[in-house]
């Protein structure tokens, strides 16, 4: 039988939200494993998605994103961001 939840003690410290708990957990993982850990899991996820849906999937979502950006910002936006990256050799 399920245990009834007791009402929170008004004098107790406020409970942590799910969002705050996730943020703290993410910071802890970042401190423990570092940047390369996230690069590795991102790479594995991208490969798994490509294996599952095919490499054309990335082309399709890139085109959708580009079309959406074009509608939202206009053609002049691409000219501006192209000019910014042209002066950046890194």
N, C-alpha and C. Protein backbone atom coordinates (compact mmCIF):
# COMPACT_ATOMS: atom_id res chain seq x y z
N UNK A 1 0.83 -1.17 0.00
CA UNK A 1 0.00 0.00 0.00
C UNK A 1 0.88 1.24 0.00
N UNK A 2 0.51 2.23 -0.78
CA UNK A 2 1.31 3.45 -0.93
C UNK A 2 1.28 4.26 0.35
N UNK A 3 2.42 4.82 0.68
CA UNK A 3 2.54 5.65 1.87
C UNK A 3 2.02 7.05 1.57
N UNK A 4 1.24 7.62 2.47
CA UNK A 4 0.73 8.96 2.27
C UNK A 4 1.86 9.96 2.48
N UNK A 5 1.85 10.98 1.65
CA UNK A 5 2.86 12.03 1.76
C UNK A 5 2.48 12.99 2.87
N UNK A 6 3.43 13.28 3.72
CA UNK A 6 3.20 14.23 4.80
C UNK A 6 3.32 15.65 4.25
N UNK A 7 2.51 16.58 4.74
CA UNK A 7 2.65 17.98 4.28
C UNK A 7 4.03 18.52 4.65
N UNK A 8 4.52 19.39 3.82
CA UNK A 8 5.84 19.97 4.05
C UNK A 8 5.83 20.81 5.32
N UNK A 9 6.93 20.75 6.05
CA UNK A 9 7.09 21.56 7.26
C UNK A 9 7.38 22.99 6.84
N UNK A 10 6.52 23.93 7.21
CA UNK A 10 6.73 25.33 6.79
C UNK A 10 8.03 25.92 7.32
N UNK A 11 8.57 25.34 8.38
CA UNK A 11 9.82 25.86 8.96
C UNK A 11 11.06 25.25 8.28
N UNK A 12 10.86 24.18 7.55
CA UNK A 12 11.98 23.50 6.89
C UNK A 12 12.46 24.33 5.69
N UNK A 13 13.67 24.05 5.28
CA UNK A 13 14.24 24.74 4.12
C UNK A 13 13.40 24.39 2.89
N UNK A 14 13.24 25.34 1.96
CA UNK A 14 12.44 25.04 0.76
C UNK A 14 13.07 23.91 -0.05
N UNK A 15 12.20 23.10 -0.67
CA UNK A 15 12.69 21.99 -1.49
C UNK A 15 13.26 22.52 -2.80
N UNK A 16 14.19 21.77 -3.32
CA UNK A 16 14.82 22.14 -4.58
C UNK A 16 13.88 21.77 -5.73
N UNK A 17 13.79 22.65 -6.72
CA UNK A 17 12.96 22.35 -7.89
C UNK A 17 13.68 21.32 -8.77
N UNK A 18 12.92 20.70 -9.63
CA UNK A 18 13.50 19.72 -10.56
C UNK A 18 14.52 20.42 -11.46
N UNK A 19 14.19 21.63 -11.88
CA UNK A 19 15.09 22.39 -12.74
C UNK A 19 16.43 22.66 -12.03
N UNK A 20 16.34 23.10 -10.79
CA UNK A 20 17.55 23.39 -10.02
C UNK A 20 18.37 22.11 -9.78
N UNK A 21 17.69 21.01 -9.49
CA UNK A 21 18.39 19.74 -9.27
C UNK A 21 19.11 19.31 -10.55
N UNK A 22 18.47 19.46 -11.69
CA UNK A 22 19.10 19.11 -12.96
C UNK A 22 20.30 19.98 -13.26
N UNK A 23 20.16 21.29 -12.98
CA UNK A 23 21.28 22.21 -13.20
C UNK A 23 22.47 21.84 -12.32
N UNK A 24 22.19 21.57 -11.05
CA UNK A 24 23.28 21.21 -10.13
C UNK A 24 23.94 19.90 -10.54
N UNK A 25 23.11 18.94 -10.98
CA UNK A 25 23.67 17.67 -11.44
C UNK A 25 24.54 17.85 -12.67
N UNK A 26 24.08 18.69 -13.60
CA UNK A 26 24.87 18.96 -14.80
C UNK A 26 26.19 19.63 -14.48
N UNK A 27 26.16 20.55 -13.54
CA UNK A 27 27.41 21.22 -13.14
C UNK A 27 28.38 20.23 -12.49
N UNK A 28 27.84 19.32 -11.70
CA UNK A 28 28.68 18.32 -11.04
C UNK A 28 29.34 17.41 -12.08
N UNK A 29 28.57 16.98 -13.08
CA UNK A 29 29.12 16.12 -14.14
C UNK A 29 30.19 16.88 -14.91
N UNK A 30 29.92 18.16 -15.20
CA UNK A 30 30.91 18.96 -15.93
C UNK A 30 32.21 19.07 -15.12
N UNK A 31 32.09 19.29 -13.82
CA UNK A 31 33.29 19.38 -12.99
C UNK A 31 34.05 18.06 -12.96
N UNK A 32 33.32 16.96 -12.91
CA UNK A 32 33.95 15.65 -12.77
C UNK A 32 34.58 15.17 -14.08
N UNK A 33 33.86 15.32 -15.21
CA UNK A 33 34.31 14.72 -16.46
C UNK A 33 34.88 15.70 -17.47
N UNK A 34 34.49 16.96 -17.40
CA UNK A 34 35.05 17.97 -18.29
C UNK A 34 34.36 18.06 -19.64
N UNK A 35 34.85 18.97 -20.45
CA UNK A 35 34.29 19.29 -21.76
C UNK A 35 34.31 18.10 -22.72
N UNK A 36 35.40 17.36 -22.74
CA UNK A 36 35.54 16.25 -23.68
C UNK A 36 34.47 15.18 -23.49
N UNK A 37 33.97 15.02 -22.27
CA UNK A 37 32.90 14.07 -22.00
C UNK A 37 31.67 14.43 -22.82
N UNK A 38 31.30 15.71 -22.82
CA UNK A 38 30.13 16.16 -23.57
C UNK A 38 30.35 16.04 -25.08
N UNK A 39 31.56 16.31 -25.52
CA UNK A 39 31.88 16.15 -26.94
C UNK A 39 31.69 14.68 -27.34
N UNK A 40 32.17 13.79 -26.50
CA UNK A 40 32.07 12.36 -26.78
C UNK A 40 30.64 11.86 -26.83
N UNK A 41 29.81 12.26 -25.86
CA UNK A 41 28.43 11.77 -25.88
C UNK A 41 27.64 12.41 -27.02
N UNK A 42 27.98 13.64 -27.39
CA UNK A 42 27.33 14.27 -28.53
C UNK A 42 27.68 13.57 -29.83
N UNK A 43 28.93 13.19 -29.96
CA UNK A 43 29.39 12.48 -31.15
C UNK A 43 28.71 11.11 -31.25
N UNK A 44 28.65 10.40 -30.12
CA UNK A 44 28.00 9.09 -30.12
C UNK A 44 26.52 9.22 -30.48
N UNK A 45 25.87 10.24 -29.94
CA UNK A 45 24.46 10.45 -30.24
C UNK A 45 24.23 10.78 -31.70
N UNK A 46 25.10 11.59 -32.27
CA UNK A 46 25.00 11.94 -33.68
C UNK A 46 25.20 10.73 -34.58
N UNK A 47 26.15 9.89 -34.23
CA UNK A 47 26.39 8.67 -35.02
C UNK A 47 25.21 7.72 -34.92
N UNK A 48 24.67 7.57 -33.72
CA UNK A 48 23.52 6.68 -33.53
C UNK A 48 22.32 7.18 -34.33
N UNK A 49 22.11 8.48 -34.35
CA UNK A 49 21.00 9.06 -35.10
C UNK A 49 21.21 8.87 -36.60
N UNK A 50 22.43 9.05 -37.06
CA UNK A 50 22.74 8.85 -38.49
C UNK A 50 22.53 7.38 -38.87
N UNK A 51 22.93 6.46 -37.99
CA UNK A 51 22.72 5.03 -38.25
C UNK A 51 21.24 4.70 -38.30
N UNK A 52 20.48 5.31 -37.43
CA UNK A 52 19.05 5.03 -37.34
C UNK A 52 18.26 5.65 -38.50
N UNK A 53 18.55 6.89 -38.82
CA UNK A 53 17.74 7.62 -39.80
C UNK A 53 18.43 7.84 -41.15
N UNK A 54 19.70 7.57 -41.22
CA UNK A 54 20.44 7.78 -42.45
C UNK A 54 21.09 9.15 -42.47
N UNK A 55 22.17 9.27 -43.23
CA UNK A 55 22.93 10.52 -43.25
C UNK A 55 22.15 11.66 -43.91
N UNK A 56 21.19 11.32 -44.77
CA UNK A 56 20.37 12.36 -45.41
C UNK A 56 19.52 13.13 -44.40
N UNK A 57 19.28 12.52 -43.26
CA UNK A 57 18.48 13.16 -42.22
C UNK A 57 19.09 14.51 -41.83
N UNK A 58 20.40 14.56 -41.67
CA UNK A 58 21.06 15.80 -41.28
C UNK A 58 20.93 16.88 -42.35
N UNK A 59 20.99 16.46 -43.60
CA UNK A 59 20.78 17.41 -44.70
C UNK A 59 19.38 17.99 -44.66
N UNK A 60 18.40 17.12 -44.40
CA UNK A 60 17.00 17.56 -44.35
C UNK A 60 16.77 18.56 -43.21
N UNK A 61 17.27 18.23 -42.01
CA UNK A 61 17.02 19.15 -40.89
C UNK A 61 17.83 20.44 -41.05
N UNK A 62 18.99 20.36 -41.68
CA UNK A 62 19.77 21.57 -41.95
C UNK A 62 19.05 22.49 -42.92
N UNK A 63 18.44 21.91 -43.94
CA UNK A 63 17.68 22.70 -44.91
C UNK A 63 16.47 23.34 -44.24
N UNK A 64 15.77 22.57 -43.40
CA UNK A 64 14.60 23.11 -42.69
C UNK A 64 15.03 24.28 -41.79
N UNK A 65 16.14 24.11 -41.10
CA UNK A 65 16.64 25.18 -40.24
C UNK A 65 17.05 26.41 -41.03
N UNK A 66 17.70 26.18 -42.15
CA UNK A 66 18.11 27.29 -43.01
C UNK A 66 16.91 28.04 -43.58
N UNK A 67 15.89 27.28 -44.01
CA UNK A 67 14.67 27.91 -44.54
C UNK A 67 13.97 28.72 -43.46
N UNK A 68 13.92 28.17 -42.26
CA UNK A 68 13.29 28.87 -41.14
C UNK A 68 14.04 30.16 -40.80
N UNK A 69 15.35 30.09 -40.79
CA UNK A 69 16.18 31.26 -40.51
C UNK A 69 16.00 32.32 -41.59
N UNK A 70 15.93 31.88 -42.83
CA UNK A 70 15.73 32.80 -43.94
C UNK A 70 14.39 33.54 -43.79
N UNK A 71 13.33 32.82 -43.46
CA UNK A 71 12.02 33.44 -43.27
C UNK A 71 12.02 34.41 -42.09
N UNK A 72 12.70 34.02 -41.04
CA UNK A 72 12.70 34.83 -39.82
C UNK A 72 13.56 36.09 -39.96
N UNK A 73 14.75 35.97 -40.57
CA UNK A 73 15.72 37.07 -40.59
C UNK A 73 15.94 37.71 -41.95
N UNK A 74 15.58 37.03 -43.02
CA UNK A 74 15.78 37.59 -44.36
C UNK A 74 17.17 37.29 -44.90
N UNK A 75 17.32 37.57 -46.19
CA UNK A 75 18.57 37.25 -46.90
C UNK A 75 19.74 38.11 -46.42
N UNK A 76 19.44 39.33 -45.99
CA UNK A 76 20.49 40.24 -45.53
C UNK A 76 21.24 39.66 -44.32
N UNK A 77 20.53 38.90 -43.51
CA UNK A 77 21.12 38.27 -42.32
C UNK A 77 22.29 37.38 -42.71
N UNK A 78 22.12 36.57 -43.76
CA UNK A 78 23.19 35.67 -44.20
C UNK A 78 24.41 36.46 -44.67
N UNK A 79 24.17 37.58 -45.31
CA UNK A 79 25.26 38.43 -45.76
C UNK A 79 26.04 38.97 -44.56
N UNK A 80 25.30 39.37 -43.53
CA UNK A 80 25.94 39.93 -42.33
C UNK A 80 26.75 38.86 -41.60
N UNK A 81 26.19 37.68 -41.41
CA UNK A 81 26.95 36.65 -40.69
C UNK A 81 28.11 36.12 -41.52
N UNK A 82 27.94 36.15 -42.84
CA UNK A 82 29.04 35.74 -43.72
C UNK A 82 30.20 36.72 -43.62
N UNK A 83 29.89 38.00 -43.52
CA UNK A 83 30.93 39.03 -43.39
C UNK A 83 31.67 38.89 -42.07
N UNK A 84 30.94 38.54 -41.01
CA UNK A 84 31.57 38.37 -39.70
C UNK A 84 32.53 37.19 -39.70
N UNK A 85 32.13 36.09 -40.34
CA UNK A 85 33.00 34.91 -40.32
C UNK A 85 34.16 35.03 -41.29
N UNK A 86 34.01 35.85 -42.33
CA UNK A 86 35.08 36.00 -43.32
C UNK A 86 36.34 36.60 -42.69
N UNK A 87 36.17 37.47 -41.71
CA UNK A 87 37.32 38.09 -41.05
C UNK A 87 37.87 37.23 -39.92
N UNK A 88 37.28 36.10 -39.69
CA UNK A 88 37.66 35.22 -38.59
C UNK A 88 38.31 33.96 -39.16
N UNK A 89 39.62 33.81 -39.02
CA UNK A 89 40.31 32.65 -39.59
C UNK A 89 40.28 31.43 -38.70
N UNK A 90 39.68 31.53 -37.52
CA UNK A 90 39.68 30.36 -36.62
C UNK A 90 38.52 29.45 -36.83
